[in-house]
């Protein structure tokens, strides 16, 4: 089985756009507020089918992929 996607490791790696949340075909992503009220995605490992759609739609992950090519 594929590994669970890592959407971000530091808050600076997430802009809170909710694109990952919106595209998830299994509703496995929830947007959770931090202590300041900013929303960050959290993946439910039980629901996630590891399709990678969330990583493909992420504007930050996509920008990093383009820069590395």
PDB file of N, CA and C in Angstrom:
ATOM      1  N   UNK A   1       0.839  -1.183   0.000  1.00  0.00           N
ATOM      2  CA  UNK A   1       0.000   0.000   0.000  1.00  0.00           C
ATOM      3  C   UNK A   1       0.885   1.248   0.000  1.00  0.00           C
ATOM      4  N   UNK A   2       0.470   2.248  -0.746  1.00  0.00           N
ATOM      5  CA  UNK A   2       1.206   3.513  -0.792  1.00  0.00           C
ATOM      6  C   UNK A   2       1.173   4.193   0.568  1.00  0.00           C
ATOM      7  N   UNK A   3       2.163   5.052   0.788  1.00  0.00           N
ATOM      8  CA  UNK A   3       2.218   5.807   2.037  1.00  0.00           C
ATOM      9  C   UNK A   3       1.164   6.905   2.050  1.00  0.00           C
ATOM     10  N   UNK A   4       0.777   7.302   3.245  1.00  0.00           N
ATOM     11  CA  UNK A   4      -0.156   8.397   3.430  1.00  0.00           C
ATOM     12  C   UNK A   4       0.486   9.682   2.911  1.00  0.00           C
ATOM     13  N   UNK A   5      -0.220  10.475   2.123  1.00  0.00           N
ATOM     14  CA  UNK A   5       0.363  11.723   1.602  1.00  0.00           C
ATOM     15  C   UNK A   5       0.737  12.675   2.736  1.00  0.00           C
ATOM     16  N   UNK A   6       1.814  13.402   2.538  1.00  0.00           N
ATOM     17  CA  UNK A   6       2.217  14.433   3.493  1.00  0.00           C
ATOM     18  C   UNK A   6       1.959  15.775   2.818  1.00  0.00           C
ATOM     19  N   UNK A   7       0.937  16.462   3.272  1.00  0.00           N
ATOM     20  CA  UNK A   7       0.547  17.721   2.652  1.00  0.00           C
ATOM     21  C   UNK A   7       1.470  18.864   3.045  1.00  0.00           C
ATOM     22  N   UNK A   8       1.972  18.830   4.274  1.00  0.00           N
ATOM     23  CA  UNK A   8       2.928  19.841   4.731  1.00  0.00           C
ATOM     24  C   UNK A   8       3.610  19.325   5.986  1.00  0.00           C
ATOM     25  N   UNK A   9       4.810  19.817   6.235  1.00  0.00           N
ATOM     26  CA  UNK A   9       5.509  19.486   7.476  1.00  0.00           C
ATOM     27  C   UNK A   9       5.648  20.731   8.349  1.00  0.00           C
ATOM     28  N   UNK A  10       5.642  21.900   7.705  1.00  0.00           N
ATOM     29  CA  UNK A  10       5.674  23.182   8.419  1.00  0.00           C
ATOM     30  C   UNK A  10       4.497  24.013   7.918  1.00  0.00           C
ATOM     31  N   UNK A  11       3.957  24.844   8.768  1.00  0.00           N
ATOM     32  CA  UNK A  11       2.794  25.650   8.386  1.00  0.00           C
ATOM     33  C   UNK A  11       3.070  26.525   7.169  1.00  0.00           C
ATOM     34  N   UNK A  12       4.307  26.917   6.968  1.00  0.00           N
ATOM     35  CA  UNK A  12       4.667  27.756   5.814  1.00  0.00           C
ATOM     36  C   UNK A  12       4.469  27.014   4.497  1.00  0.00           C
ATOM     37  N   UNK A  13       4.321  25.700   4.556  1.00  0.00           N
ATOM     38  CA  UNK A  13       4.152  24.886   3.353  1.00  0.00           C
ATOM     39  C   UNK A  13       2.681  24.695   2.982  1.00  0.00           C
ATOM     40  N   UNK A  14       1.791  25.390   3.671  1.00  0.00           N
ATOM     41  CA  UNK A  14       0.359  25.285   3.393  1.00  0.00           C
ATOM     42  C   UNK A  14      -0.234  26.691   3.368  1.00  0.00           C
ATOM     43  N   UNK A  15      -0.947  27.002   2.292  1.00  0.00           N
ATOM     44  CA  UNK A  15      -1.557  28.330   2.180  1.00  0.00           C
ATOM     45  C   UNK A  15      -3.005  28.338   2.651  1.00  0.00           C
ATOM     46  N   UNK A  16      -3.549  27.174   3.014  1.00  0.00           N
ATOM     47  CA  UNK A  16      -4.914  27.100   3.520  1.00  0.00           C
ATOM     48  C   UNK A  16      -5.988  27.283   2.461  1.00  0.00           C
ATOM     49  N   UNK A  17      -5.669  26.999   1.223  1.00  0.00           N
ATOM     50  CA  UNK A  17      -6.606  27.239   0.118  1.00  0.00           C
ATOM     51  C   UNK A  17      -7.764  26.239   0.064  1.00  0.00           C
ATOM     52  N   UNK A  18      -7.653  25.132   0.728  1.00  0.00           N
ATOM     53  CA  UNK A  18      -8.630  24.039   0.789  1.00  0.00           C
ATOM     54  C   UNK A  18      -8.773  23.253  -0.516  1.00  0.00           C
ATOM     55  N   UNK A  19      -7.857  23.412  -1.433  1.00  0.00           N
ATOM     56  CA  UNK A  19      -7.924  22.656  -2.691  1.00  0.00           C
ATOM     57  C   UNK A  19      -7.850  21.155  -2.433  1.00  0.00           C
ATOM     58  N   UNK A  20      -6.972  20.742  -1.531  1.00  0.00           N
ATOM     59  CA  UNK A  20      -6.829  19.316  -1.203  1.00  0.00           C
ATOM     60  C   UNK A  20      -8.130  18.775  -0.599  1.00  0.00           C
ATOM     61  N   UNK A  21      -8.707  19.545   0.277  1.00  0.00           N
ATOM     62  CA  UNK A  21      -9.978  19.192   0.921  1.00  0.00           C
ATOM     63  C   UNK A  21     -11.077  19.033  -0.132  1.00  0.00           C
ATOM     64  N   UNK A  22     -11.142  19.968  -1.057  1.00  0.00           N
ATOM     65  CA  UNK A  22     -12.192  19.977  -2.069  1.00  0.00           C
ATOM     66  C   UNK A  22     -12.078  18.835  -3.068  1.00  0.00           C
ATOM     67  N   UNK A  23     -10.859  18.407  -3.389  1.00  0.00           N
ATOM     68  CA  UNK A  23     -10.679  17.394  -4.423  1.00  0.00           C
ATOM     69  C   UNK A  23     -10.713  15.962  -3.906  1.00  0.00           C
ATOM     70  N   UNK A  24     -10.576  15.773  -2.615  1.00  0.00           N
ATOM     71  CA  UNK A  24     -10.496  14.417  -2.063  1.00  0.00           C
ATOM     72  C   UNK A  24     -11.757  13.611  -2.385  1.00  0.00           C
ATOM     73  N   UNK A  25     -11.618  12.499  -3.125  1.00  0.00           N
ATOM     74  CA  UNK A  25     -12.794  11.720  -3.523  1.00  0.00           C
ATOM     75  C   UNK A  25     -13.435  10.936  -2.378  1.00  0.00           C
ATOM     76  N   UNK A  26     -12.730  10.784  -1.275  1.00  0.00           N
ATOM     77  CA  UNK A  26     -13.235  10.000  -0.144  1.00  0.00           C
ATOM     78  C   UNK A  26     -13.540  10.849   1.090  1.00  0.00           C
ATOM     79  N   UNK A  27     -13.479  12.169   0.937  1.00  0.00           N
ATOM     80  CA  UNK A  27     -13.698  13.079   2.068  1.00  0.00           C
ATOM     81  C   UNK A  27     -12.817  12.721   3.257  1.00  0.00           C
ATOM     82  N   UNK A  28     -11.567  12.401   2.963  1.00  0.00           N
ATOM     83  CA  UNK A  28     -10.614  11.985   3.991  1.00  0.00           C
ATOM     84  C   UNK A  28      -9.851  13.161   4.591  1.00  0.00           C
ATOM     85  N   UNK A  29     -10.069  14.363   4.065  1.00  0.00           N
ATOM     86  CA  UNK A  29      -9.342  15.531   4.549  1.00  0.00           C
ATOM     87  C   UNK A  29     -10.296  16.484   5.257  1.00  0.00           C
ATOM     88  N   UNK A  30      -9.892  16.870   6.450  1.00  0.00           N
ATOM     89  CA  UNK A  30     -10.628  17.869   7.228  1.00  0.00           C
ATOM     90  C   UNK A  30      -9.741  19.091   7.377  1.00  0.00           C
ATOM     91  N   UNK A  31     -10.354  20.257   7.431  1.00  0.00           N
ATOM     92  CA  UNK A  31      -9.609  21.486   7.667  1.00  0.00           C
ATOM     93  C   UNK A  31      -9.756  21.836   9.142  1.00  0.00           C
ATOM     94  N   UNK A  32      -8.634  21.803   9.852  1.00  0.00           N
ATOM     95  CA  UNK A  32      -8.618  21.997  11.297  1.00  0.00           C
ATOM     96  C   UNK A  32      -7.981  23.350  11.623  1.00  0.00           C
ATOM     97  N   UNK A  33      -8.651  24.161  12.449  1.00  0.00           N
ATOM     98  CA  UNK A  33      -8.048  25.456  12.818  1.00  0.00           C
ATOM     99  C   UNK A  33      -6.905  25.274  13.820  1.00  0.00           C
ATOM    100  N   UNK A  34      -5.863  26.088  13.659  1.00  0.00           N
ATOM    101  CA  UNK A  34      -4.770  26.084  14.634  1.00  0.00           C
ATOM    102  C   UNK A  34      -5.126  27.063  15.754  1.00  0.00           C
ATOM    103  N   UNK A  35      -4.173  27.323  16.631  1.00  0.00           N
ATOM    104  CA  UNK A  35      -4.434  28.200  17.779  1.00  0.00           C
ATOM    105  C   UNK A  35      -4.745  29.643  17.382  1.00  0.00           C
ATOM    106  N   UNK A  36      -4.382  30.030  16.160  1.00  0.00           N
ATOM    107  CA  UNK A  36      -4.659  31.383  15.676  1.00  0.00           C
ATOM    108  C   UNK A  36      -5.886  31.438  14.767  1.00  0.00           C
ATOM    109  N   UNK A  37      -6.500  30.279  14.511  1.00  0.00           N
ATOM    110  CA  UNK A  37      -7.698  30.237  13.681  1.00  0.00           C
ATOM    111  C   UNK A  37      -7.465  29.951  12.213  1.00  0.00           C
ATOM    112  N   UNK A  38      -6.211  29.771  11.792  1.00  0.00           N
ATOM    113  CA  UNK A  38      -5.921  29.440  10.402  1.00  0.00           C
ATOM    114  C   UNK A  38      -6.199  27.955  10.173  1.00  0.00           C
ATOM    115  N   UNK A  39      -6.747  27.634   9.016  1.00  0.00           N
ATOM    116  CA  UNK A  39      -7.118  26.251   8.714  1.00  0.00           C
ATOM    117  C   UNK A  39      -5.981  25.490   8.035  1.00  0.00           C
ATOM    118  N   UNK A  40      -5.781  24.257   8.493  1.00  0.00           N
ATOM    119  CA  UNK A  40      -4.769  23.370   7.922  1.00  0.00           C
ATOM    120  C   UNK A  40      -5.383  21.990   7.705  1.00  0.00           C
ATOM    121  N   UNK A  41      -4.998  21.304   6.629  1.00  0.00           N
ATOM    122  CA  UNK A  41      -5.588  20.003   6.339  1.00  0.00           C
ATOM    123  C   UNK A  41      -5.061  18.903   7.252  1.00  0.00           C
ATOM    124  N   UNK A  42      -5.963  17.987   7.562  1.00  0.00           N
ATOM    125  CA  UNK A  42      -5.620  16.801   8.334  1.00  0.00           C
ATOM    126  C   UNK A  42      -6.223  15.606   7.614  1.00  0.00           C
ATOM    127  N   UNK A  43      -5.416  14.592   7.359  1.00  0.00           N
ATOM    128  CA  UNK A  43      -5.869  13.421   6.609  1.00  0.00           C
ATOM    129  C   UNK A  43      -6.286  12.305   7.562  1.00  0.00           C
ATOM    130  N   UNK A  44      -7.459  11.743   7.330  1.00  0.00           N
ATOM    131  CA  UNK A  44      -7.938  10.586   8.075  1.00  0.00           C
ATOM    132  C   UNK A  44      -7.376   9.346   7.372  1.00  0.00           C
ATOM    133  N   UNK A  45      -6.420   8.699   7.990  1.00  0.00           N
ATOM    134  CA  UNK A  45      -5.746   7.549   7.388  1.00  0.00           C
ATOM    135  C   UNK A  45      -6.707   6.395   7.092  1.00  0.00           C
ATOM    136  N   UNK A  46      -7.770   6.302   7.846  1.00  0.00           N
ATOM    137  CA  UNK A  46      -8.765   5.235   7.637  1.00  0.00           C
ATOM    138  C   UNK A  46      -9.538   5.429   6.329  1.00  0.00           C
ATOM    139  N   UNK A  47      -9.801   6.679   5.961  1.00  0.00           N
ATOM    140  CA  UNK A  47     -10.571   6.982   4.756  1.00  0.00           C
ATOM    141  C   UNK A  47      -9.705   7.154   3.518  1.00  0.00           C
ATOM    142  N   UNK A  48      -8.462   7.568   3.699  1.00  0.00           N
ATOM    143  CA  UNK A  48      -7.577   7.890   2.575  1.00  0.00           C
ATOM    144  C   UNK A  48      -7.253   6.654   1.742  1.00  0.00           C
ATOM    145  N   UNK A  49      -7.431   6.766   0.419  1.00  0.00           N
ATOM    146  CA  UNK A  49      -7.113   5.672  -0.501  1.00  0.00           C
ATOM    147  C   UNK A  49      -5.768   5.897  -1.198  1.00  0.00           C
ATOM    148  N   UNK A  50      -5.060   6.947  -0.791  1.00  0.00           N
ATOM    149  CA  UNK A  50      -3.711   7.263  -1.272  1.00  0.00           C
ATOM    150  C   UNK A  50      -3.660   7.453  -2.789  1.00  0.00           C
ATOM    151  N   UNK A  51      -4.657   8.159  -3.312  1.00  0.00           N
ATOM    152  CA  UNK A  51      -4.729   8.413  -4.752  1.00  0.00           C
ATOM    153  C   UNK A  51      -3.780   9.521  -5.198  1.00  0.00           C
ATOM    154  N   UNK A  52      -3.399  10.408  -4.264  1.00  0.00           N
ATOM    155  CA  UNK A  52      -2.463  11.477  -4.589  1.00  0.00           C
ATOM    156  C   UNK A  52      -3.106  12.721  -5.181  1.00  0.00           C
ATOM    157  N   UNK A  53      -4.419  12.745  -5.316  1.00  0.00           N
ATOM    158  CA  UNK A  53      -5.089  13.915  -5.884  1.00  0.00           C
ATOM    159  C   UNK A  53      -4.800  15.174  -5.078  1.00  0.00           C
ATOM    160  N   UNK A  54      -4.729  15.039  -3.777  1.00  0.00           N
ATOM    161  CA  UNK A  54      -4.479  16.197  -2.915  1.00  0.00           C
ATOM    162  C   UNK A  54      -3.107  16.809  -3.189  1.00  0.00           C
ATOM    163  N   UNK A  55      -2.126  15.971  -3.449  1.00  0.00           N
ATOM    164  CA  UNK A  55      -0.781  16.480  -3.732  1.00  0.00           C
ATOM    165  C   UNK A  55      -0.717  17.135  -5.109  1.00  0.00           C
ATOM    166  N   UNK A  56      -1.445  16.562  -6.067  1.00  0.00           N
ATOM    167  CA  UNK A  56      -1.430  17.090  -7.433  1.00  0.00           C
ATOM    168  C   UNK A  56      -2.104  18.454  -7.544  1.00  0.00           C
ATOM    169  N   UNK A  57      -3.131  18.696  -6.726  1.00  0.00           N
ATOM    170  CA  UNK A  57      -3.885  19.953  -6.810  1.00  0.00           C
ATOM    171  C   UNK A  57      -3.273  21.064  -5.950  1.00  0.00           C
ATOM    172  N   UNK A  58      -2.390  20.715  -5.047  1.00  0.00           N
ATOM    173  CA  UNK A  58      -1.802  21.694  -4.126  1.00  0.00           C
ATOM    174  C   UNK A  58      -0.955  22.723  -4.883  1.00  0.00           C
ATOM    175  N   UNK A  59      -1.277  24.021  -4.759  1.00  0.00           N
ATOM    176  CA  UNK A  59      -0.508  25.027  -5.483  1.00  0.00           C
ATOM    177  C   UNK A  59       0.940  25.120  -5.013  1.00  0.00           C
ATOM    178  N   UNK A  60       1.208  24.807  -3.772  1.00  0.00           N
ATOM    179  CA  UNK A  60       2.581  24.867  -3.274  1.00  0.00           C
ATOM    180  C   UNK A  60       3.366  23.636  -3.724  1.00  0.00           C
ATOM    181  N   UNK A  61       2.781  22.466  -3.603  1.00  0.00           N
ATOM    182  CA  UNK A  61       3.453  21.240  -4.058  1.00  0.00           C
ATOM    183  C   UNK A  61       3.667  21.290  -5.567  1.00  0.00           C
ATOM    184  N   UNK A  62       2.692  21.799  -6.311  1.00  0.00           N
ATOM    185  CA  UNK A  62       2.809  21.892  -7.765  1.00  0.00           C
ATOM    186  C   UNK A  62       3.931  22.851  -8.144  1.00  0.00           C
ATOM    187  N   UNK A  63       4.069  23.963  -7.429  1.00  0.00           N
ATOM    188  CA  UNK A  63       5.125  24.937  -7.723  1.00  0.00           C
ATOM    189  C   UNK A  63       6.499  24.345  -7.462  1.00  0.00           C
ATOM    190  N   UNK A  64       6.627  23.542  -6.413  1.00  0.00           N
ATOM    191  CA  UNK A  64       7.901  22.892  -6.099  1.00  0.00           C
ATOM    192  C   UNK A  64       8.243  21.877  -7.175  1.00  0.00           C
ATOM    193  N   UNK A  65       7.248  21.117  -7.647  1.00  0.00           N
ATOM    194  CA  UNK A  65       7.473  20.122  -8.686  1.00  0.00           C
ATOM    195  C   UNK A  65       7.944  20.769  -9.980  1.00  0.00           C
ATOM    196  N   UNK A  66       7.324  21.890 -10.361  1.00  0.00           N
ATOM    197  CA  UNK A  66       7.706  22.613 -11.577  1.00  0.00           C
ATOM    198  C   UNK A  66       9.132  23.156 -11.451  1.00  0.00           C
ATOM    199  N   UNK A  67       9.485  23.697 -10.300  1.00  0.00           N
ATOM    200  CA  UNK A  67      10.822  24.249 -10.094  1.00  0.00           C
ATOM    201  C   UNK A  67      11.892  23.167 -10.144  1.00  0.00           C
ATOM    202  N   UNK A  68      11.560  21.956  -9.715  1.00  0.00           N
ATOM    203  CA  UNK A  68      12.532  20.868  -9.693  1.00  0.00           C
ATOM    204  C   UNK A  68      12.709  20.208 -11.054  1.00  0.00           C
ATOM    205  N   UNK A  69      11.867  20.517 -12.021  1.00  0.00           N
ATOM    206  CA  UNK A  69      11.987  19.906 -13.362  1.00  0.00           C
ATOM    207  C   UNK A  69      12.787  20.768 -14.289  1.00  0.00           C
TER     208      UNK A  69
END
